Amino acid sequence: MAIQTSNQCMTAAAAIALLKNGLNSRVESDLPPQFQVGDRVRAKVMHPKTYTRLPTYVRGKVGEIVKDHGVYVFPDTVGQRLTTKPQHVYSVRFAAQVLWGEAAAAGDALYLDLFDDHLEPL
């Protein structure tokens, strides 16, 4: 049995394997990172009409790059069946009080994996 998807045909066995193992979206690239570990960044304030992995509650907030995970396809464009737009993904640390105010515990933080297109330098 084959499953028809847009312009491709996938067998049932291939679909089951994909569901079991997932899909690797990492890209081998020499694309230079826009940010380095230790850089302070701001999550962009944006309101796209389509899908984005940038949570609303973090937009406009300042965080710090703690890790560069490497280059991956950009889900915001891939989800619309546009370009893969490869870019770096960073683990960004946001202090809880920056996100939720003084009521949040002073030592707590949230780490989000965000793409180049989600961030701007300070």
PDB file of N, CA and C in Angstrom:
ATOM      1  N   MET A   1       0.851  -1.186   0.000  1.00  0.00           N
ATOM      2  CA  MET A   1       0.000   0.000   0.000  1.00  0.00           C
ATOM      3  C   MET A   1       0.889   1.239   0.000  1.00  0.00           C
ATOM      4  N   ALA A   2       0.532   2.242  -0.772  1.00  0.00           N
ATOM      5  CA  ALA A   2       1.289   3.488  -0.840  1.00  0.00           C
ATOM      6  C   ALA A   2       0.391   4.651  -0.449  1.00  0.00           C
ATOM      7  N   ILE A   3       0.998   5.634   0.183  1.00  0.00           N
ATOM      8  CA  ILE A   3       0.285   6.841   0.601  1.00  0.00           C
ATOM      9  C   ILE A   3       0.712   7.970  -0.320  1.00  0.00           C
ATOM     10  N   GLN A   4      -0.229   8.645  -0.941  1.00  0.00           N
ATOM     11  CA  GLN A   4       0.078   9.744  -1.843  1.00  0.00           C
ATOM     12  C   GLN A   4       0.183  11.039  -1.040  1.00  0.00           C
ATOM     13  N   THR A   5       1.323  11.719  -1.168  1.00  0.00           N
ATOM     14  CA  THR A   5       1.517  13.021  -0.547  1.00  0.00           C
ATOM     15  C   THR A   5       1.942  13.992  -1.629  1.00  0.00           C
ATOM     16  N   SER A   6       1.353  15.130  -1.698  1.00  0.00           N
ATOM     17  CA  SER A   6       1.607  16.171  -2.705  1.00  0.00           C
ATOM     18  C   SER A   6       2.215  15.597  -3.976  1.00  0.00           C
ATOM     19  N   ASN A   7       3.536  15.668  -4.126  1.00  0.00           N
ATOM     20  CA  ASN A   7       4.188  15.203  -5.341  1.00  0.00           C
ATOM     21  C   ASN A   7       4.973  13.919  -5.128  1.00  0.00           C
ATOM     22  N   GLN A   8       4.816  13.298  -3.985  1.00  0.00           N
ATOM     23  CA  GLN A   8       5.602  12.118  -3.682  1.00  0.00           C
ATOM     24  C   GLN A   8       4.687  10.978  -3.272  1.00  0.00           C
ATOM     25  N   CYS A   9       5.204   9.778  -3.409  1.00  0.00           N
ATOM     26  CA  CYS A   9       4.471   8.600  -2.993  1.00  0.00           C
ATOM     27  C   CYS A   9       5.294   7.894  -1.920  1.00  0.00           C
ATOM     28  N   MET A  10       4.692   7.579  -0.794  1.00  0.00           N
ATOM     29  CA  MET A  10       5.387   6.944   0.310  1.00  0.00           C
ATOM     30  C   MET A  10       4.701   5.617   0.618  1.00  0.00           C
ATOM     31  N   THR A  11       5.501   4.583   0.779  1.00  0.00           N
ATOM     32  CA  THR A  11       4.926   3.292   1.135  1.00  0.00           C
ATOM     33  C   THR A  11       4.485   3.318   2.590  1.00  0.00           C
ATOM     34  N   ALA A  12       3.594   2.412   2.937  1.00  0.00           N
ATOM     35  CA  ALA A  12       3.134   2.319   4.323  1.00  0.00           C
ATOM     36  C   ALA A  12       4.305   2.016   5.250  1.00  0.00           C
ATOM     37  N   ALA A  13       5.219   1.160   4.819  1.00  0.00           N
ATOM     38  CA  ALA A  13       6.388   0.821   5.640  1.00  0.00           C
ATOM     39  C   ALA A  13       7.259   2.056   5.880  1.00  0.00           C
ATOM     40  N   ALA A  14       7.433   2.864   4.844  1.00  0.00           N
ATOM     41  CA  ALA A  14       8.226   4.093   4.990  1.00  0.00           C
ATOM     42  C   ALA A  14       7.531   5.070   5.933  1.00  0.00           C
ATOM     43  N   ALA A  15       6.207   5.162   5.851  1.00  0.00           N
ATOM     44  CA  ALA A  15       5.458   6.059   6.738  1.00  0.00           C
ATOM     45  C   ALA A  15       5.582   5.606   8.189  1.00  0.00           C
ATOM     46  N   ILE A  16       5.502   4.305   8.420  1.00  0.00           N
ATOM     47  CA  ILE A  16       5.643   3.772   9.782  1.00  0.00           C
ATOM     48  C   ILE A  16       7.043   4.044  10.312  1.00  0.00           C
ATOM     49  N   ALA A  17       8.062   3.833   9.477  1.00  0.00           N
ATOM     50  CA  ALA A  17       9.443   4.107   9.884  1.00  0.00           C
ATOM     51  C   ALA A  17       9.630   5.585  10.215  1.00  0.00           C
ATOM     52  N   LEU A  18       9.039   6.459   9.417  1.00  0.00           N
ATOM     53  CA  LEU A  18       9.126   7.898   9.668  1.00  0.00           C
ATOM     54  C   LEU A  18       8.468   8.256  11.004  1.00  0.00           C
ATOM     55  N   LEU A  19       7.314   7.694  11.272  1.00  0.00           N
ATOM     56  CA  LEU A  19       6.625   7.959  12.534  1.00  0.00           C
ATOM     57  C   LEU A  19       7.416   7.428  13.730  1.00  0.00           C
ATOM     58  N   LYS A  20       8.056   6.274  13.561  1.00  0.00           N
ATOM     59  CA  LYS A  20       8.847   5.676  14.637  1.00  0.00           C
ATOM     60  C   LYS A  20      10.135   6.440  14.908  1.00  0.00           C
ATOM     61  N   ASN A  21      10.828   6.802  13.845  1.00  0.00           N
ATOM     62  CA  ASN A  21      12.182   7.348  13.967  1.00  0.00           C
ATOM     63  C   ASN A  21      12.263   8.859  13.831  1.00  0.00           C
ATOM     64  N   GLY A  22      11.210   9.486  13.357  1.00  0.00           N
ATOM     65  CA  GLY A  22      11.246  10.928  13.154  1.00  0.00           C
ATOM     66  C   GLY A  22      12.029  11.308  11.913  1.00  0.00           C
ATOM     67  N   LEU A  23      12.245  12.582  11.751  1.00  0.00           N
ATOM     68  CA  LEU A  23      12.934  13.110  10.584  1.00  0.00           C
ATOM     69  C   LEU A  23      14.026  14.045  11.068  1.00  0.00           C
ATOM     70  N   ASN A  24      15.221  13.863  10.578  1.00  0.00           N
ATOM     71  CA  ASN A  24      16.331  14.722  10.963  1.00  0.00           C
ATOM     72  C   ASN A  24      16.296  15.991  10.110  1.00  0.00           C
ATOM     73  N   SER A  25      16.197  17.132  10.736  1.00  0.00           N
ATOM     74  CA  SER A  25      16.127  18.392   9.995  1.00  0.00           C
ATOM     75  C   SER A  25      17.428  19.180  10.084  1.00  0.00           C
ATOM     76  N   ARG A  26      18.483  18.540  10.608  1.00  0.00           N
ATOM     77  CA  ARG A  26      19.791  19.193  10.680  1.00  0.00           C
ATOM     78  C   ARG A  26      20.375  19.270   9.271  1.00  0.00           C
ATOM     79  N   VAL A  27      21.090  20.367   9.000  1.00  0.00           N
ATOM     80  CA  VAL A  27      21.676  20.611   7.691  1.00  0.00           C
ATOM     81  C   VAL A  27      23.188  20.733   7.846  1.00  0.00           C
ATOM     82  N   GLU A  28      23.930  20.038   6.991  1.00  0.00           N
ATOM     83  CA  GLU A  28      25.381  20.227   6.960  1.00  0.00           C
ATOM     84  C   GLU A  28      25.650  21.528   6.225  1.00  0.00           C
ATOM     85  N   SER A  29      26.247  22.495   6.938  1.00  0.00           N
ATOM     86  CA  SER A  29      26.426  23.818   6.347  1.00  0.00           C
ATOM     87  C   SER A  29      27.595  24.533   7.009  1.00  0.00           C
ATOM     88  N   ASP A  30      28.256  25.388   6.248  1.00  0.00           N
ATOM     89  CA  ASP A  30      29.306  26.243   6.814  1.00  0.00           C
ATOM     90  C   ASP A  30      28.767  27.660   7.054  1.00  0.00           C
ATOM     91  N   LEU A  31      27.452  27.771   7.121  1.00  0.00           N
ATOM     92  CA  LEU A  31      26.793  29.049   7.397  1.00  0.00           C
ATOM     93  C   LEU A  31      27.286  29.600   8.738  1.00  0.00           C
ATOM     94  N   PRO A  32      27.849  30.806   8.755  1.00  0.00           N
ATOM     95  CA  PRO A  32      28.346  31.341  10.025  1.00  0.00           C
ATOM     96  C   PRO A  32      27.195  31.730  10.952  1.00  0.00           C
ATOM     97  N   PRO A  33      27.374  31.543  12.253  1.00  0.00           N
ATOM     98  CA  PRO A  33      26.317  31.929  13.201  1.00  0.00           C
ATOM     99  C   PRO A  33      26.216  33.448  13.300  1.00  0.00           C
ATOM    100  N   GLN A  34      25.008  33.930  13.510  1.00  0.00           N
ATOM    101  CA  GLN A  34      24.805  35.364  13.724  1.00  0.00           C
ATOM    102  C   GLN A  34      25.106  35.745  15.166  1.00  0.00           C
ATOM    103  N   PHE A  35      25.065  34.758  16.076  1.00  0.00           N
ATOM    104  CA  PHE A  35      25.257  35.023  17.501  1.00  0.00           C
ATOM    105  C   PHE A  35      26.235  34.027  18.090  1.00  0.00           C
ATOM    106  N   GLN A  36      26.880  34.428  19.186  1.00  0.00           N
ATOM    107  CA  GLN A  36      27.834  33.583  19.893  1.00  0.00           C
ATOM    108  C   GLN A  36      27.336  33.336  21.315  1.00  0.00           C
ATOM    109  N   VAL A  37      27.820  32.249  21.923  1.00  0.00           N
ATOM    110  CA  VAL A  37      27.494  31.975  23.318  1.00  0.00           C
ATOM    111  C   VAL A  37      27.897  33.191  24.157  1.00  0.00           C
ATOM    112  N   GLY A  38      26.992  33.624  25.016  1.00  0.00           N
ATOM    113  CA  GLY A  38      27.220  34.808  25.853  1.00  0.00           C
ATOM    114  C   GLY A  38      26.580  36.070  25.312  1.00  0.00           C
ATOM    115  N   ASP A  39      26.213  36.085  24.031  1.00  0.00           N
ATOM    116  CA  ASP A  39      25.563  37.271  23.454  1.00  0.00           C
ATOM    117  C   ASP A  39      24.185  37.474  24.076  1.00  0.00           C
ATOM    118  N   ARG A  40      23.872  38.723  24.359  1.00  0.00           N
ATOM    119  CA  ARG A  40      22.514  39.068  24.786  1.00  0.00           C
ATOM    120  C   ARG A  40      21.718  39.392  23.527  1.00  0.00           C
ATOM    121  N   VAL A  41      20.515  38.857  23.473  1.00  0.00           N
ATOM    122  CA  VAL A  41      19.657  39.018  22.297  1.00  0.00           C
ATOM    123  C   VAL A  41      18.243  39.359  22.735  1.00  0.00           C
ATOM    124  N   ARG A  42      17.487  39.895  21.801  1.00  0.00           N
ATOM    125  CA  ARG A  42      16.070  40.157  22.038  1.00  0.00           C
ATOM    126  C   ARG A  42      15.266  39.301  21.070  1.00  0.00           C
ATOM    127  N   ALA A  43      14.237  38.656  21.582  1.00  0.00           N
ATOM    128  CA  ALA A  43      13.313  37.935  20.706  1.00  0.00           C
ATOM    129  C   ALA A  43      12.522  38.982  19.925  1.00  0.00           C
ATOM    130  N   LYS A  44      12.450  38.805  18.633  1.00  0.00           N
ATOM    131  CA  LYS A  44      11.778  39.786  17.785  1.00  0.00           C
ATOM    132  C   LYS A  44      10.300  39.902  18.145  1.00  0.00           C
ATOM    133  N   VAL A  45       9.789  41.101  17.970  1.00  0.00           N
ATOM    134  CA  VAL A  45       8.344  41.321  18.096  1.00  0.00           C
ATOM    135  C   VAL A  45       7.781  41.215  16.696  1.00  0.00           C
ATOM    136  N   MET A  46       7.044  40.143  16.466  1.00  0.00           N
ATOM    137  CA  MET A  46       6.478  39.900  15.149  1.00  0.00           C
ATOM    138  C   MET A  46       5.151  39.187  15.313  1.00  0.00           C
ATOM    139  N   HIS A  47       4.294  39.384  14.353  1.00  0.00           N
ATOM    140  CA  HIS A  47       2.957  38.792  14.415  1.00  0.00           C
ATOM    141  C   HIS A  47       2.595  38.223  13.047  1.00  0.00           C
ATOM    142  N   PRO A  48       3.287  37.150  12.649  1.00  0.00           N
ATOM    143  CA  PRO A  48       2.995  36.581  11.329  1.00  0.00           C
ATOM    144  C   PRO A  48       1.591  35.984  11.268  1.00  0.00           C
ATOM    145  N   LYS A  49       1.025  35.993  10.093  1.00  0.00           N
ATOM    146  CA  LYS A  49      -0.308  35.404   9.902  1.00  0.00           C
ATOM    147  C   LYS A  49      -0.212  33.885   9.793  1.00  0.00           C
ATOM    148  N   THR A  50       1.009  33.389   9.641  1.00  0.00           N
ATOM    149  CA  THR A  50       1.227  31.958   9.494  1.00  0.00           C
ATOM    150  C   THR A  50       1.981  31.419  10.705  1.00  0.00           C
ATOM    151  N   TYR A  51       2.356  30.178  10.622  1.00  0.00           N
ATOM    152  CA  TYR A  51       3.031  29.456  11.695  1.00  0.00           C
ATOM    153  C   TYR A  51       4.363  30.082  12.085  1.00  0.00           C
ATOM    154  N   THR A  52       4.667  30.107  13.381  1.00  0.00           N
ATOM    155  CA  THR A  52       5.997  30.444  13.871  1.00  0.00           C
ATOM    156  C   THR A  52       6.257  29.669  15.153  1.00  0.00           C
ATOM    157  N   ARG A  53       7.527  29.335  15.378  1.00  0.00           N
ATOM    158  CA  ARG A  53       7.911  28.641  16.614  1.00  0.00           C
ATOM    159  C   ARG A  53       8.318  29.641  17.687  1.00  0.00           C
ATOM    160  N   LEU A  54       8.137  30.924  17.449  1.00  0.00           N
ATOM    161  CA  LEU A  54       8.481  31.949  18.431  1.00  0.00           C
ATOM    162  C   LEU A  54       7.262  32.220  19.310  1.00  0.00           C
ATOM    163  N   PRO A  55       7.309  31.781  20.581  1.00  0.00           N
ATOM    164  CA  PRO A  55       6.143  31.970  21.452  1.00  0.00           C
ATOM    165  C   PRO A  55       5.832  33.452  21.684  1.00  0.00           C
ATOM    166  N   THR A  56       4.567  33.773  21.772  1.00  0.00           N
ATOM    167  CA  THR A  56       4.132  35.149  21.972  1.00  0.00           C
ATOM    168  C   THR A  56       4.696  35.734  23.261  1.00  0.00           C
ATOM    169  N   TYR A  57       4.715  34.952  24.343  1.00  0.00           N
ATOM    170  CA  TYR A  57       5.124  35.474  25.653  1.00  0.00           C
ATOM    171  C   TYR A  57       6.604  35.851  25.739  1.00  0.00           C
ATOM    172  N   VAL A  58       7.407  35.465  24.754  1.00  0.00           N
ATOM    173  CA  VAL A  58       8.827  35.790  24.797  1.00  0.00           C
ATOM    174  C   VAL A  58       9.185  36.945  23.852  1.00  0.00           C
ATOM    175  N   ARG A  59       8.272  37.322  22.985  1.00  0.00           N
ATOM    176  CA  ARG A  59       8.552  38.387  22.013  1.00  0.00           C
ATOM    177  C   ARG A  59       8.850  39.708  22.716  1.00  0.00           C
ATOM    178  N   GLY A  60       9.965  40.318  22.296  1.00  0.00           N
ATOM    179  CA  GLY A  60      10.397  41.582  22.887  1.00  0.00           C
ATOM    180  C   GLY A  60      11.225  41.413  24.152  1.00  0.00           C
ATOM    181  N   LYS A  61      11.389  40.196  24.625  1.00  0.00           N
ATOM    182  CA  LYS A  61      12.127  39.937  25.867  1.00  0.00           C
ATOM    183  C   LYS A  61      13.598  39.669  25.556  1.00  0.00           C
ATOM    184  N   VAL A  62      14.458  39.994  26.532  1.00  0.00           N
ATOM    185  CA  VAL A  62      15.903  39.850  26.386  1.00  0.00           C
ATOM    186  C   VAL A  62      16.369  38.565  27.061  1.00  0.00           C
ATOM    187  N   GLY A  63      17.232  37.840  26.355  1.00  0.00           N
ATOM    188  CA  GLY A  63      17.814  36.615  26.889  1.00  0.00           C
ATOM    189  C   GLY A  63      19.279  36.525  26.503  1.00  0.00           C
ATOM    190  N   GLU A  64      19.880  35.385  26.831  1.00  0.00           N
ATOM    191  CA  GLU A  64      21.302  35.176  26.562  1.00  0.00           C
ATOM    192  C   GLU A  64      21.507  33.853  25.825  1.00  0.00           C
ATOM    193  N   ILE A  65      22.342  33.883  24.795  1.00  0.00           N
ATOM    194  CA  ILE A  65      22.675  32.671  24.058  1.00  0.00           C
ATOM    195  C   ILE A  65      23.543  31.793  24.961  1.00  0.00           C
ATOM    196  N   VAL A  66      23.116  30.536  25.176  1.00  0.00           N
ATOM    197  CA  VAL A  66      23.906  29.624  26.000  1.00  0.00           C
ATOM    198  C   VAL A  66      24.463  28.453  25.196  1.00  0.00           C
ATOM    199  N   LYS A  67      23.931  28.227  23.985  1.00  0.00           N
ATOM    200  CA  LYS A  67      24.437  27.135  23.156  1.00  0.00           C
ATOM    201  C   LYS A  67      23.999  27.346  21.713  1.00  0.00           C
ATOM    202  N   ASP A  68      24.870  26.981  20.792  1.00  0.00           N
ATOM    203  CA  ASP A  68      24.546  26.949  19.363  1.00  0.00           C
ATOM    204  C   ASP A  68      24.383  25.475  19.000  1.00  0.00           C
ATOM    205  N   HIS A  69      23.183  25.077  18.609  1.00  0.00           N
ATOM    206  CA  HIS A  69      22.907  23.683  18.280  1.00  0.00           C
ATOM    207  C   HIS A  69      23.346  23.300  16.867  1.00  0.00           C
ATOM    208  N   GLY A  70      23.675  24.277  16.038  1.00  0.00           N
ATOM    209  CA  GLY A  70      24.026  24.009  14.647  1.00  0.00           C
ATOM    210  C   GLY A  70      22.960  24.527  13.708  1.00  0.00           C
ATOM    211  N   VAL A  71      23.027  24.088  12.460  1.00  0.00           N
ATOM    212  CA  VAL A  71      22.141  24.594  11.410  1.00  0.00           C
ATOM    213  C   VAL A  71      21.025  23.589  11.124  1.00  0.00           C
ATOM    214  N   TYR A  72      19.805  24.093  11.063  1.00  0.00           N
ATOM    215  CA  TYR A  72      18.617  23.282  10.806  1.00  0.00           C
ATOM    216  C   TYR A  72      17.723  23.986   9.801  1.00  0.00           C
ATOM    217  N   VAL A  73      16.832  23.221   9.168  1.00  0.00           N
ATOM    218  CA  VAL A  73      15.839  23.848   8.302  1.00  0.00           C
ATOM    219  C   VAL A  73      14.914  24.693   9.178  1.00  0.00           C
ATOM    220  N   PHE A  74      14.389  25.753   8.613  1.00  0.00           N
ATOM    221  CA  PHE A  74      13.569  26.707   9.361  1.00  0.00           C
ATOM    222  C   PHE A  74      12.101  26.297   9.282  1.00  0.00           C
ATOM    223  N   PRO A  75      11.512  25.820  10.382  1.00  0.00           N
ATOM    224  CA  PRO A  75      10.144  25.305  10.332  1.00  0.00           C
ATOM    225  C   PRO A  75       9.090  26.352   9.969  1.00  0.00           C
ATOM    226  N   ASP A  76       9.380  27.618  10.220  1.00  0.00           N
ATOM    227  CA  ASP A  76       8.400  28.666   9.908  1.00  0.00           C
ATOM    228  C   ASP A  76       8.127  28.748   8.408  1.00  0.00           C
ATOM    229  N   THR A  77       9.151  28.438   7.581  1.00  0.00           N
ATOM    230  CA  THR A  77       8.945  28.455   6.129  1.00  0.00           C
ATOM    231  C   THR A  77       8.639  27.060   5.591  1.00  0.00           C
ATOM    232  N   VAL A  78       9.270  26.048   6.148  1.00  0.00           N
ATOM    233  CA  VAL A  78       9.010  24.674   5.697  1.00  0.00           C
ATOM    234  C   VAL A  78       7.544  24.309   5.922  1.00  0.00           C
ATOM    235  N   GLY A  79       6.969  24.770   7.016  1.00  0.00           N
ATOM    236  CA  GLY A  79       5.566  24.488   7.316  1.00  0.00           C
ATOM    237  C   GLY A  79       4.605  25.068   6.290  1.00  0.00           C
ATOM    238  N   GLN A  80       5.074  26.040   5.537  1.00  0.00           N
ATOM    239  CA  GLN A  80       4.249  26.637   4.474  1.00  0.00           C
ATOM    240  C   GLN A  80       4.624  26.085   3.096  1.00  0.00           C
ATOM    241  N   ARG A  81       5.481  25.073   3.090  1.00  0.00           N
ATOM    242  CA  ARG A  81       5.988  24.457   1.860  1.00  0.00           C
ATOM    243  C   ARG A  81       6.756  25.460   1.005  1.00  0.00           C
ATOM    244  N   LEU A  82       7.498  26.336   1.705  1.00  0.00           N
ATOM    245  CA  LEU A  82       8.368  27.289   1.032  1.00  0.00           C
ATOM    246  C   LEU A  82       9.797  26.768   1.125  1.00  0.00           C
ATOM    247  N   THR A  83      10.760  27.633   1.082  1.00  0.00           N
ATOM    248  CA  THR A  83      12.166  27.257   1.159  1.00  0.00           C
ATOM    249  C   THR A  83      12.519  26.630   2.512  1.00  0.00           C
ATOM    250  N   THR A  84      13.596  25.855   2.547  1.00  0.00           N
ATOM    251  CA  THR A  84      14.053  25.269   3.814  1.00  0.00           C
ATOM    252  C   THR A  84      14.757  26.312   4.671  1.00  0.00           C
ATOM    253  N   LYS A  85      15.283  27.365   4.086  1.00  0.00           N
ATOM    254  CA  LYS A  85      15.917  28.499   4.750  1.00  0.00           C
ATOM    255  C   LYS A  85      16.775  28.076   5.945  1.00  0.00           C
ATOM    256  N   PRO A  86      17.809  27.263   5.735  1.00  0.00           N
ATOM    257  CA  PRO A  86      18.638  26.787   6.850  1.00  0.00           C
ATOM    258  C   PRO A  86      19.228  27.943   7.659  1.00  0.00           C
ATOM    259  N   GLN A  87      19.259  27.747   8.974  1.00  0.00           N
ATOM    260  CA  GLN A  87      19.850  28.739   9.874  1.00  0.00           C
ATOM    261  C   GLN A  87      20.174  28.114  11.219  1.00  0.00           C
ATOM    262  N   HIS A  88      20.983  28.838  11.987  1.00  0.00           N
ATOM    263  CA  HIS A  88      21.402  28.342  13.301  1.00  0.00           C
ATOM    264  C   HIS A  88      20.239  28.346  14.283  1.00  0.00           C
ATOM    265  N   VAL A  89      20.287  27.369  15.175  1.00  0.00           N
ATOM    266  CA  VAL A  89      19.336  27.270  16.287  1.00  0.00           C
ATOM    267  C   VAL A  89      20.138  27.426  17.569  1.00  0.00           C
ATOM    268  N   TYR A  90      19.669  28.294  18.448  1.00  0.00           N
ATOM    269  CA  TYR A  90      20.372  28.593  19.692  1.00  0.00           C
ATOM    270  C   TYR A  90      19.484  28.268  20.888  1.00  0.00           C
ATOM    271  N   SER A  91      20.115  27.807  21.953  1.00  0.00           N
ATOM    272  CA  SER A  91      19.425  27.710  23.228  1.00  0.00           C
ATOM    273  C   SER A  91      19.569  29.083  23.875  1.00  0.00           C
ATOM    274  N   VAL A  92      18.440  29.717  24.158  1.00  0.00           N
ATOM    275  CA  VAL A  92      18.432  31.063  24.722  1.00  0.00           C
ATOM    276  C   VAL A  92      17.842  30.994  26.127  1.00  0.00           C
ATOM    277  N   ARG A  93      18.576  31.534  27.090  1.00  0.00           N
ATOM    278  CA  ARG A  93      18.125  31.550  28.483  1.00  0.00           C
ATOM    279  C   ARG A  93      17.418  32.866  28.772  1.00  0.00           C
ATOM    280  N   PHE A  94      16.170  32.758  29.226  1.00  0.00           N
ATOM    281  CA  PHE A  94      15.390  33.922  29.643  1.00  0.00           C
ATOM    282  C   PHE A  94      15.147  33.801  31.142  1.00  0.00           C
ATOM    283  N   ALA A  95      15.520  34.800  31.905  1.00  0.00           N
ATOM    284  CA  ALA A  95      15.231  34.807  33.339  1.00  0.00           C
ATOM    285  C   ALA A  95      13.716  34.840  33.531  1.00  0.00           C
ATOM    286  N   ALA A  96      13.240  34.048  34.475  1.00  0.00           N
ATOM    287  CA  ALA A  96      11.798  33.962  34.726  1.00  0.00           C
ATOM    288  C   ALA A  96      11.207  35.336  35.028  1.00  0.00           C
ATOM    289  N   GLN A  97      11.930  36.170  35.774  1.00  0.00           N
ATOM    290  CA  GLN A  97      11.404  37.494  36.121  1.00  0.00           C
ATOM    291  C   GLN A  97      11.305  38.402  34.894  1.00  0.00           C
ATOM    292  N   VAL A  98      12.146  38.175  33.888  1.00  0.00           N
ATOM    293  CA  VAL A  98      12.047  38.942  32.641  1.00  0.00           C
ATOM    294  C   VAL A  98      10.745  38.591  31.926  1.00  0.00           C
ATOM    295  N   LEU A  99      10.382  37.321  31.990  1.00  0.00           N
ATOM    296  CA  LEU A  99       9.171  36.866  31.296  1.00  0.00           C
ATOM    297  C   LEU A  99       7.898  37.118  32.083  1.00  0.00           C
ATOM    298  N   TRP A 100       7.935  36.872  33.412  1.00  0.00           N
ATOM    299  CA  TRP A 100       6.705  36.877  34.197  1.00  0.00           C
ATOM    300  C   TRP A 100       6.696  37.859  35.367  1.00  0.00           C
ATOM    301  N   GLY A 101       7.718  38.698  35.453  1.00  0.00           N
ATOM    302  CA  GLY A 101       7.717  39.742  36.469  1.00  0.00           C
ATOM    303  C   GLY A 101       8.289  39.305  37.810  1.00  0.00           C
ATOM    304  N   GLU A 102       8.210  40.216  38.752  1.00  0.00           N
ATOM    305  CA  GLU A 102       8.808  40.049  40.085  1.00  0.00           C
ATOM    306  C   GLU A 102       8.256  38.859  40.866  1.00  0.00           C
ATOM    307  N   ALA A 103       7.057  38.412  40.546  1.00  0.00           N
ATOM    308  CA  ALA A 103       6.459  37.293  41.271  1.00  0.00           C
ATOM    309  C   ALA A 103       7.176  35.972  40.989  1.00  0.00           C
ATOM    310  N   ALA A 104       7.894  35.889  39.873  1.00  0.00           N
ATOM    311  CA  ALA A 104       8.634  34.675  39.528  1.00  0.00           C
ATOM    312  C   ALA A 104       9.862  34.563  40.416  1.00  0.00           C
ATOM    313  N   ALA A 105      10.283  33.349  40.695  1.00  0.00           N
ATOM    314  CA  ALA A 105      11.464  33.118  41.536  1.00  0.00           C
ATOM    315  C   ALA A 105      12.703  33.706  40.866  1.00  0.00           C
ATOM    316  N   ALA A 106      13.517  34.379  41.648  1.00  0.00           N
ATOM    317  CA  ALA A 106      14.680  35.095  41.130  1.00  0.00           C
ATOM    318  C   ALA A 106      15.671  34.193  40.402  1.00  0.00           C
ATOM    319  N   GLY A 107      15.845  32.966  40.827  1.00  0.00           N
ATOM    320  CA  GLY A 107      16.831  32.088  40.209  1.00  0.00           C
ATOM    321  C   GLY A 107      16.311  31.233  39.073  1.00  0.00           C
ATOM    322  N   ASP A 108      15.014  31.302  38.800  1.00  0.00           N
ATOM    323  CA  ASP A 108      14.432  30.458  37.762  1.00  0.00           C
ATOM    324  C   ASP A 108      14.663  31.047  36.369  1.00  0.00           C
ATOM    325  N   ALA A 109      14.709  30.159  35.378  1.00  0.00           N
ATOM    326  CA  ALA A 109      14.909  30.592  33.996  1.00  0.00           C
ATOM    327  C   ALA A 109      14.212  29.610  33.062  1.00  0.00           C
ATOM    328  N   LEU A 110      13.949  30.065  31.859  1.00  0.00           N
ATOM    329  CA  LEU A 110      13.365  29.245  30.808  1.00  0.00           C
ATOM    330  C   LEU A 110      14.354  29.231  29.650  1.00  0.00           C
ATOM    331  N   TYR A 111      14.610  28.057  29.114  1.00  0.00           N
ATOM    332  CA  TYR A 111      15.499  27.905  27.968  1.00  0.00           C
ATOM    333  C   TYR A 111      14.654  27.545  26.749  1.00  0.00           C
ATOM    334  N   LEU A 112      14.790  28.349  25.701  1.00  0.00           N
ATOM    335  CA  LEU A 112      14.052  28.107  24.455  1.00  0.00           C
ATOM    336  C   LEU A 112      15.043  27.948  23.311  1.00  0.00           C
ATOM    337  N   ASP A 113      14.758  27.016  22.414  1.00  0.00           N
ATOM    338  CA  ASP A 113      15.556  26.867  21.207  1.00  0.00           C
ATOM    339  C   ASP A 113      14.933  27.733  20.124  1.00  0.00           C
ATOM    340  N   LEU A 114      15.689  28.756  19.697  1.00  0.00           N
ATOM    341  CA  LEU A 114      15.180  29.732  18.733  1.00  0.00           C
ATOM    342  C   LEU A 114      16.142  29.876  17.557  1.00  0.00           C
ATOM    343  N   PHE A 115      15.594  30.228  16.418  1.00  0.00           N
ATOM    344  CA  PHE A 115      16.340  30.370  15.171  1.00  0.00           C
ATOM    345  C   PHE A 115      16.844  31.800  14.993  1.00  0.00           C
ATOM    346  N   ASP A 116      17.840  31.952  14.084  1.00  0.00           N
ATOM    347  CA  ASP A 116      18.365  33.283  13.754  1.00  0.00           C
ATOM    348  C   ASP A 116      17.243  34.283  13.476  1.00  0.00           C
ATOM    349  N   ASP A 117      16.259  33.877  12.677  1.00  0.00           N
ATOM    350  CA  ASP A 117      15.188  34.787  12.280  1.00  0.00           C
ATOM    351  C   ASP A 117      14.282  35.206  13.441  1.00  0.00           C
ATOM    352  N   HIS A 118      14.401  34.552  14.575  1.00  0.00           N
ATOM    353  CA  HIS A 118      13.586  34.906  15.740  1.00  0.00           C
ATOM    354  C   HIS A 118      14.282  35.910  16.655  1.00  0.00           C
ATOM    355  N   LEU A 119      15.552  36.185  16.391  1.00  0.00           N
ATOM    356  CA  LEU A 119      16.363  36.964  17.325  1.00  0.00           C
ATOM    357  C   LEU A 119      16.953  38.201  16.677  1.00  0.00           C
ATOM    358  N   GLU A 120      17.244  39.198  17.523  1.00  0.00           N
ATOM    359  CA  GLU A 120      17.965  40.372  17.077  1.00  0.00           C
ATOM    360  C   GLU A 120      19.012  40.722  18.120  1.00  0.00           C
ATOM    361  N   PRO A 121      20.145  41.282  17.692  1.00  0.00           N
ATOM    362  CA  PRO A 121      21.195  41.637  18.655  1.00  0.00           C
ATOM    363  C   PRO A 121      20.785  42.835  19.500  1.00  0.00           C
ATOM    364  N   LEU A 122      21.361  42.932  20.669  1.00  0.00           N
ATOM    365  CA  LEU A 122      21.145  44.126  21.509  1.00  0.00           C
ATOM    366  C   LEU A 122      22.197  45.155  21.210  1.00  0.00           C
TER     367      LEU A 122
END
